[in-house]
């Protein structure tokens, strides 16, 4: 679960807006201890299917390594 979900709407015309999401997670949330991590990107359009991407284990290891400094001293 994110520790800080955030949504921002940006006008692109008089009648349309784009909503973007930013989710902040704990520095220990993703890493080699995860069996699998999937990102599911959703559209607000009812007919749209989600776009799902699986994060490869080497990328999870890189994320874990990159955030090591934020876990130090915990």
PDB file of N, CA and C in Angstrom:
ATOM      1  N   UNK A   1       0.844  -1.190   0.000  1.00  0.00           N
ATOM      2  CA  UNK A   1       0.000   0.000   0.000  1.00  0.00           C
ATOM      3  C   UNK A   1       0.884   1.246   0.000  1.00  0.00           C
ATOM      4  N   UNK A   2       0.504   2.251  -0.784  1.00  0.00           N
ATOM      5  CA  UNK A   2       1.285   3.489  -0.775  1.00  0.00           C
ATOM      6  C   UNK A   2       1.115   4.227   0.554  1.00  0.00           C
ATOM      7  N   UNK A   3       2.165   4.938   0.957  1.00  0.00           N
ATOM      8  CA  UNK A   3       2.051   5.752   2.169  1.00  0.00           C
ATOM      9  C   UNK A   3       1.542   7.147   1.839  1.00  0.00           C
ATOM     10  N   UNK A   4       1.569   7.489   0.549  1.00  0.00           N
ATOM     11  CA  UNK A   4       1.046   8.789   0.123  1.00  0.00           C
ATOM     12  C   UNK A   4       0.523   8.701  -1.314  1.00  0.00           C
ATOM     13  N   UNK A   5      -0.768   8.402  -1.494  1.00  0.00           N
ATOM     14  CA  UNK A   5      -1.327   8.448  -2.850  1.00  0.00           C
ATOM     15  C   UNK A   5      -1.683   9.894  -3.202  1.00  0.00           C
ATOM     16  N   UNK A   6      -1.436  10.270  -4.441  1.00  0.00           N
ATOM     17  CA  UNK A   6      -1.666  11.644  -4.866  1.00  0.00           C
ATOM     18  C   UNK A   6      -2.189  11.632  -6.297  1.00  0.00           C
ATOM     19  N   UNK A   7      -3.227  12.406  -6.558  1.00  0.00           N
ATOM     20  CA  UNK A   7      -3.774  12.546  -7.905  1.00  0.00           C
ATOM     21  C   UNK A   7      -3.794  14.024  -8.266  1.00  0.00           C
ATOM     22  N   UNK A   8      -3.393  14.310  -9.499  1.00  0.00           N
ATOM     23  CA  UNK A   8      -3.332  15.691  -9.973  1.00  0.00           C
ATOM     24  C   UNK A   8      -4.063  15.784 -11.315  1.00  0.00           C
ATOM     25  N   UNK A   9      -4.943  16.771 -11.452  1.00  0.00           N
ATOM     26  CA  UNK A   9      -5.653  16.995 -12.714  1.00  0.00           C
ATOM     27  C   UNK A   9      -5.036  18.201 -13.420  1.00  0.00           C
ATOM     28  N   UNK A  10      -4.811  18.053 -14.726  1.00  0.00           N
ATOM     29  CA  UNK A  10      -4.232  19.134 -15.529  1.00  0.00           C
ATOM     30  C   UNK A  10      -5.126  19.358 -16.739  1.00  0.00           C
ATOM     31  N   UNK A  11      -5.551  20.593 -16.935  1.00  0.00           N
ATOM     32  CA  UNK A  11      -6.396  20.935 -18.078  1.00  0.00           C
ATOM     33  C   UNK A  11      -5.587  20.871 -19.360  1.00  0.00           C
ATOM     34  N   UNK A  12      -6.141  20.212 -20.378  1.00  0.00           N
ATOM     35  CA  UNK A  12      -5.498  20.170 -21.693  1.00  0.00           C
ATOM     36  C   UNK A  12      -6.315  20.913 -22.740  1.00  0.00           C
ATOM     37  N   UNK A  13      -7.546  21.252 -22.390  1.00  0.00           N
ATOM     38  CA  UNK A  13      -8.402  22.078 -23.249  1.00  0.00           C
ATOM     39  C   UNK A  13      -9.506  22.653 -22.375  1.00  0.00           C
ATOM     40  N   UNK A  14     -10.421  23.359 -22.994  1.00  0.00           N
ATOM     41  CA  UNK A  14     -11.544  23.945 -22.241  1.00  0.00           C
ATOM     42  C   UNK A  14     -12.416  22.873 -21.584  1.00  0.00           C
ATOM     43  N   UNK A  15     -12.507  21.710 -22.223  1.00  0.00           N
ATOM     44  CA  UNK A  15     -13.420  20.677 -21.733  1.00  0.00           C
ATOM     45  C   UNK A  15     -12.733  19.402 -21.239  1.00  0.00           C
ATOM     46  N   UNK A  16     -11.442  19.259 -21.500  1.00  0.00           N
ATOM     47  CA  UNK A  16     -10.756  18.017 -21.141  1.00  0.00           C
ATOM     48  C   UNK A  16      -9.641  18.251 -20.135  1.00  0.00           C
ATOM     49  N   UNK A  17      -9.432  17.236 -19.314  1.00  0.00           N
ATOM     50  CA  UNK A  17      -8.339  17.269 -18.341  1.00  0.00           C
ATOM     51  C   UNK A  17      -7.679  15.896 -18.309  1.00  0.00           C
ATOM     52  N   UNK A  18      -6.433  15.890 -17.922  1.00  0.00           N
ATOM     53  CA  UNK A  18      -5.688  14.648 -17.740  1.00  0.00           C
ATOM     54  C   UNK A  18      -5.423  14.512 -16.250  1.00  0.00           C
ATOM     55  N   UNK A  19      -5.760  13.355 -15.711  1.00  0.00           N
ATOM     56  CA  UNK A  19      -5.470  13.096 -14.296  1.00  0.00           C
ATOM     57  C   UNK A  19      -4.276  12.159 -14.215  1.00  0.00           C
ATOM     58  N   UNK A  20      -3.328  12.539 -13.392  1.00  0.00           N
ATOM     59  CA  UNK A  20      -2.116  11.747 -13.213  1.00  0.00           C
ATOM     60  C   UNK A  20      -2.029  11.316 -11.759  1.00  0.00           C
ATOM     61  N   UNK A  21      -1.473  10.137 -11.543  1.00  0.00           N
ATOM     62  CA  UNK A  21      -1.313   9.643 -10.184  1.00  0.00           C
ATOM     63  C   UNK A  21       0.150   9.511  -9.813  1.00  0.00           C
ATOM     64  N   UNK A  22       0.455   9.806  -8.579  1.00  0.00           N
ATOM     65  CA  UNK A  22       1.784   9.621  -8.018  1.00  0.00           C
ATOM     66  C   UNK A  22       1.587   8.910  -6.689  1.00  0.00           C
ATOM     67  N   UNK A  23       2.269   7.798  -6.525  1.00  0.00           N
ATOM     68  CA  UNK A  23       2.133   7.026  -5.300  1.00  0.00           C
ATOM     69  C   UNK A  23       3.499   6.875  -4.656  1.00  0.00           C
ATOM     70  N   UNK A  24       3.604   7.229  -3.389  1.00  0.00           N
ATOM     71  CA  UNK A  24       4.861   7.146  -2.651  1.00  0.00           C
ATOM     72  C   UNK A  24       4.797   5.912  -1.759  1.00  0.00           C
ATOM     73  N   UNK A  25       5.874   5.121  -1.822  1.00  0.00           N
ATOM     74  CA  UNK A  25       5.940   3.887  -1.051  1.00  0.00           C
ATOM     75  C   UNK A  25       7.097   3.943  -0.066  1.00  0.00           C
ATOM     76  N   UNK A  26       7.000   3.168   0.989  1.00  0.00           N
ATOM     77  CA  UNK A  26       8.076   3.008   1.956  1.00  0.00           C
ATOM     78  C   UNK A  26       9.316   2.473   1.244  1.00  0.00           C
ATOM     79  N   UNK A  27      10.506   2.889   1.663  1.00  0.00           N
ATOM     80  CA  UNK A  27      11.743   2.472   1.003  1.00  0.00           C
ATOM     81  C   UNK A  27      12.003   0.971   1.111  1.00  0.00           C
ATOM     82  N   UNK A  28      11.280   0.285   1.999  1.00  0.00           N
ATOM     83  CA  UNK A  28      11.440  -1.169   2.145  1.00  0.00           C
ATOM     84  C   UNK A  28      10.362  -1.949   1.404  1.00  0.00           C
ATOM     85  N   UNK A  29       9.489  -1.268   0.676  1.00  0.00           N
ATOM     86  CA  UNK A  29       8.336  -1.923   0.060  1.00  0.00           C
ATOM     87  C   UNK A  29       8.703  -2.857  -1.087  1.00  0.00           C
ATOM     88  N   UNK A  30       9.718  -2.493  -1.868  1.00  0.00           N
ATOM     89  CA  UNK A  30      10.088  -3.286  -3.041  1.00  0.00           C
ATOM     90  C   UNK A  30      11.529  -3.736  -2.918  1.00  0.00           C
ATOM     91  N   UNK A  31      11.775  -4.973  -3.244  1.00  0.00           N
ATOM     92  CA  UNK A  31      13.147  -5.472  -3.203  1.00  0.00           C
ATOM     93  C   UNK A  31      13.211  -6.954  -3.473  1.00  0.00           C
ATOM     94  N   UNK A  32      14.364  -7.551  -3.206  1.00  0.00           N
ATOM     95  CA  UNK A  32      14.557  -8.971  -3.504  1.00  0.00           C
ATOM     96  C   UNK A  32      13.649  -9.886  -2.682  1.00  0.00           C
ATOM     97  N   UNK A  33      13.079  -9.368  -1.600  1.00  0.00           N
ATOM     98  CA  UNK A  33      12.167 -10.166  -0.780  1.00  0.00           C
ATOM     99  C   UNK A  33      10.788 -10.336  -1.440  1.00  0.00           C
ATOM    100  N   UNK A  34      10.513  -9.584  -2.488  1.00  0.00           N
ATOM    101  CA  UNK A  34       9.232  -9.690  -3.202  1.00  0.00           C
ATOM    102  C   UNK A  34       9.290 -10.865  -4.186  1.00  0.00           C
ATOM    103  N   UNK A  35       8.263 -11.675  -4.172  1.00  0.00           N
ATOM    104  CA  UNK A  35       8.200 -12.768  -5.138  1.00  0.00           C
ATOM    105  C   UNK A  35       7.896 -12.240  -6.526  1.00  0.00           C
ATOM    106  N   UNK A  36       7.021 -11.240  -6.589  1.00  0.00           N
ATOM    107  CA  UNK A  36       6.629 -10.668  -7.862  1.00  0.00           C
ATOM    108  C   UNK A  36       6.037  -9.287  -7.625  1.00  0.00           C
ATOM    109  N   UNK A  37       6.324  -8.373  -8.537  1.00  0.00           N
ATOM    110  CA  UNK A  37       5.738  -7.035  -8.480  1.00  0.00           C
ATOM    111  C   UNK A  37       5.152  -6.738  -9.854  1.00  0.00           C
ATOM    112  N   UNK A  38       3.883  -6.367  -9.864  1.00  0.00           N
ATOM    113  CA  UNK A  38       3.207  -5.998 -11.108  1.00  0.00           C
ATOM    114  C   UNK A  38       2.704  -4.576 -10.982  1.00  0.00           C
ATOM    115  N   UNK A  39       2.890  -3.808 -12.023  1.00  0.00           N
ATOM    116  CA  UNK A  39       2.318  -2.474 -12.107  1.00  0.00           C
ATOM    117  C   UNK A  39       1.093  -2.563 -13.007  1.00  0.00           C
ATOM    118  N   UNK A  40      -0.028  -2.080 -12.517  1.00  0.00           N
ATOM    119  CA  UNK A  40      -1.262  -2.105 -13.285  1.00  0.00           C
ATOM    120  C   UNK A  40      -1.678  -0.658 -13.518  1.00  0.00           C
ATOM    121  N   UNK A  41      -1.648  -0.266 -14.792  1.00  0.00           N
ATOM    122  CA  UNK A  41      -1.998   1.101 -15.173  1.00  0.00           C
ATOM    123  C   UNK A  41      -3.429   1.096 -15.695  1.00  0.00           C
ATOM    124  N   UNK A  42      -4.229   1.965 -15.122  1.00  0.00           N
ATOM    125  CA  UNK A  42      -5.651   1.993 -15.451  1.00  0.00           C
ATOM    126  C   UNK A  42      -6.051   3.315 -16.090  1.00  0.00           C
ATOM    127  N   UNK A  43      -7.022   3.231 -16.962  1.00  0.00           N
ATOM    128  CA  UNK A  43      -7.639   4.411 -17.538  1.00  0.00           C
ATOM    129  C   UNK A  43      -8.996   4.586 -16.878  1.00  0.00           C
ATOM    130  N   UNK A  44      -9.470   5.812 -16.822  1.00  0.00           N
ATOM    131  CA  UNK A  44     -10.802   6.047 -16.270  1.00  0.00           C
ATOM    132  C   UNK A  44     -11.908   5.735 -17.270  1.00  0.00           C
ATOM    133  N   UNK A  45     -11.531   5.485 -18.528  1.00  0.00           N
ATOM    134  CA  UNK A  45     -12.522   5.144 -19.534  1.00  0.00           C
ATOM    135  C   UNK A  45     -13.059   3.743 -19.237  1.00  0.00           C
ATOM    136  N   UNK A  46     -14.382   3.579 -19.229  1.00  0.00           N
ATOM    137  CA  UNK A  46     -14.956   2.286 -18.851  1.00  0.00           C
ATOM    138  C   UNK A  46     -14.563   1.124 -19.773  1.00  0.00           C
ATOM    139  N   UNK A  47     -14.316   1.379 -21.036  1.00  0.00           N
ATOM    140  CA  UNK A  47     -14.016   0.298 -21.972  1.00  0.00           C
ATOM    141  C   UNK A  47     -12.523  -0.059 -22.013  1.00  0.00           C
ATOM    142  N   UNK A  48     -11.697   0.743 -21.374  1.00  0.00           N
ATOM    143  CA  UNK A  48     -10.249   0.529 -21.435  1.00  0.00           C
ATOM    144  C   UNK A  48      -9.832  -0.651 -20.561  1.00  0.00           C
ATOM    145  N   UNK A  49      -8.929  -1.460 -21.085  1.00  0.00           N
ATOM    146  CA  UNK A  49      -8.385  -2.582 -20.323  1.00  0.00           C
ATOM    147  C   UNK A  49      -7.111  -2.113 -19.629  1.00  0.00           C
ATOM    148  N   UNK A  50      -6.834  -2.654 -18.437  1.00  0.00           N
ATOM    149  CA  UNK A  50      -5.603  -2.238 -17.752  1.00  0.00           C
ATOM    150  C   UNK A  50      -4.355  -2.710 -18.497  1.00  0.00           C
ATOM    151  N   UNK A  51      -3.310  -1.940 -18.378  1.00  0.00           N
ATOM    152  CA  UNK A  51      -2.009  -2.288 -18.945  1.00  0.00           C
ATOM    153  C   UNK A  51      -1.157  -2.783 -17.777  1.00  0.00           C
ATOM    154  N   UNK A  52      -0.750  -4.042 -17.821  1.00  0.00           N
ATOM    155  CA  UNK A  52      -0.015  -4.652 -16.720  1.00  0.00           C
ATOM    156  C   UNK A  52       1.420  -4.940 -17.131  1.00  0.00           C
ATOM    157  N   UNK A  53       2.344  -4.534 -16.279  1.00  0.00           N
ATOM    158  CA  UNK A  53       3.768  -4.781 -16.494  1.00  0.00           C
ATOM    159  C   UNK A  53       4.332  -5.464 -15.258  1.00  0.00           C
ATOM    160  N   UNK A  54       5.097  -6.526 -15.468  1.00  0.00           N
ATOM    161  CA  UNK A  54       5.773  -7.209 -14.377  1.00  0.00           C
ATOM    162  C   UNK A  54       7.196  -6.666 -14.280  1.00  0.00           C
ATOM    163  N   UNK A  55       7.610  -6.355 -13.058  1.00  0.00           N
ATOM    164  CA  UNK A  55       8.952  -5.824 -12.828  1.00  0.00           C
ATOM    165  C   UNK A  55       9.905  -7.015 -12.678  1.00  0.00           C
ATOM    166  N   UNK A  56      10.943  -7.030 -13.501  1.00  0.00           N
ATOM    167  CA  UNK A  56      11.914  -8.120 -13.476  1.00  0.00           C
ATOM    168  C   UNK A  56      12.723  -8.109 -12.177  1.00  0.00           C
ATOM    169  N   UNK A  57      13.126  -9.304 -11.679  1.00  0.00           N
ATOM    170  CA  UNK A  57      13.913  -9.382 -10.436  1.00  0.00           C
ATOM    171  C   UNK A  57      15.182  -8.521 -10.427  1.00  0.00           C
ATOM    172  N   UNK A  58      15.948  -8.414 -11.526  1.00  0.00           N
ATOM    173  CA  UNK A  58      17.124  -7.527 -11.472  1.00  0.00           C
ATOM    174  C   UNK A  58      16.752  -6.056 -11.229  1.00  0.00           C
ATOM    175  N   UNK A  59      15.611  -5.634 -11.738  1.00  0.00           N
ATOM    176  CA  UNK A  59      15.156  -4.257 -11.497  1.00  0.00           C
ATOM    177  C   UNK A  59      14.767  -4.089 -10.040  1.00  0.00           C
ATOM    178  N   UNK A  60      14.098  -5.085  -9.462  1.00  0.00           N
ATOM    179  CA  UNK A  60      13.759  -5.028  -8.033  1.00  0.00           C
ATOM    180  C   UNK A  60      15.023  -4.932  -7.183  1.00  0.00           C
ATOM    181  N   UNK A  61      16.054  -5.699  -7.561  1.00  0.00           N
ATOM    182  CA  UNK A  61      17.321  -5.637  -6.830  1.00  0.00           C
ATOM    183  C   UNK A  61      17.934  -4.246  -6.954  1.00  0.00           C
ATOM    184  N   UNK A  62      17.869  -3.641  -8.133  1.00  0.00           N
ATOM    185  CA  UNK A  62      18.412  -2.301  -8.330  1.00  0.00           C
ATOM    186  C   UNK A  62      17.664  -1.270  -7.489  1.00  0.00           C
ATOM    187  N   UNK A  63      16.340  -1.386  -7.434  1.00  0.00           N
ATOM    188  CA  UNK A  63      15.539  -0.481  -6.592  1.00  0.00           C
ATOM    189  C   UNK A  63      15.967  -0.632  -5.137  1.00  0.00           C
ATOM    190  N   UNK A  64      16.110  -1.870  -4.689  1.00  0.00           N
ATOM    191  CA  UNK A  64      16.522  -2.155  -3.306  1.00  0.00           C
ATOM    192  C   UNK A  64      17.887  -1.522  -3.019  1.00  0.00           C
ATOM    193  N   UNK A  65      18.823  -1.716  -3.934  1.00  0.00           N
ATOM    194  CA  UNK A  65      20.165  -1.163  -3.766  1.00  0.00           C
ATOM    195  C   UNK A  65      20.153   0.368  -3.781  1.00  0.00           C
ATOM    196  N   UNK A  66      19.371   0.955  -4.680  1.00  0.00           N
ATOM    197  CA  UNK A  66      19.313   2.412  -4.802  1.00  0.00           C
ATOM    198  C   UNK A  66      18.773   3.089  -3.536  1.00  0.00           C
ATOM    199  N   UNK A  67      17.899   2.404  -2.817  1.00  0.00           N
ATOM    200  CA  UNK A  67      17.280   2.998  -1.634  1.00  0.00           C
ATOM    201  C   UNK A  67      17.919   2.531  -0.326  1.00  0.00           C
ATOM    202  N   UNK A  68      19.079   1.894  -0.407  1.00  0.00           N
ATOM    203  CA  UNK A  68      19.771   1.401   0.794  1.00  0.00           C
ATOM    204  C   UNK A  68      20.049   2.528   1.789  1.00  0.00           C
ATOM    205  N   UNK A  69      20.430   3.681   1.298  1.00  0.00           N
ATOM    206  CA  UNK A  69      20.743   4.805   2.194  1.00  0.00           C
ATOM    207  C   UNK A  69      19.532   5.241   3.010  1.00  0.00           C
ATOM    208  N   UNK A  70      18.343   5.087   2.448  1.00  0.00           N
ATOM    209  CA  UNK A  70      17.126   5.498   3.164  1.00  0.00           C
ATOM    210  C   UNK A  70      16.719   4.475   4.224  1.00  0.00           C
ATOM    211  N   UNK A  71      17.228   3.263   4.118  1.00  0.00           N
ATOM    212  CA  UNK A  71      16.933   2.233   5.111  1.00  0.00           C
ATOM    213  C   UNK A  71      17.980   2.203   6.216  1.00  0.00           C
ATOM    214  N   UNK A  72      19.106   2.839   6.027  1.00  0.00           N
ATOM    215  CA  UNK A  72      20.190   2.816   7.009  1.00  0.00           C
ATOM    216  C   UNK A  72      19.713   3.437   8.316  1.00  0.00           C
ATOM    217  N   UNK A  73      20.019   2.776   9.393  1.00  0.00           N
ATOM    218  CA  UNK A  73      19.664   3.303  10.713  1.00  0.00           C
ATOM    219  C   UNK A  73      18.238   3.045  11.133  1.00  0.00           C
ATOM    220  N   UNK A  74      17.501   2.304  10.353  1.00  0.00           N
ATOM    221  CA  UNK A  74      16.093   2.025  10.748  1.00  0.00           C
ATOM    222  C   UNK A  74      16.047   0.932  11.776  1.00  0.00           C
TER     223      UNK A  74
END
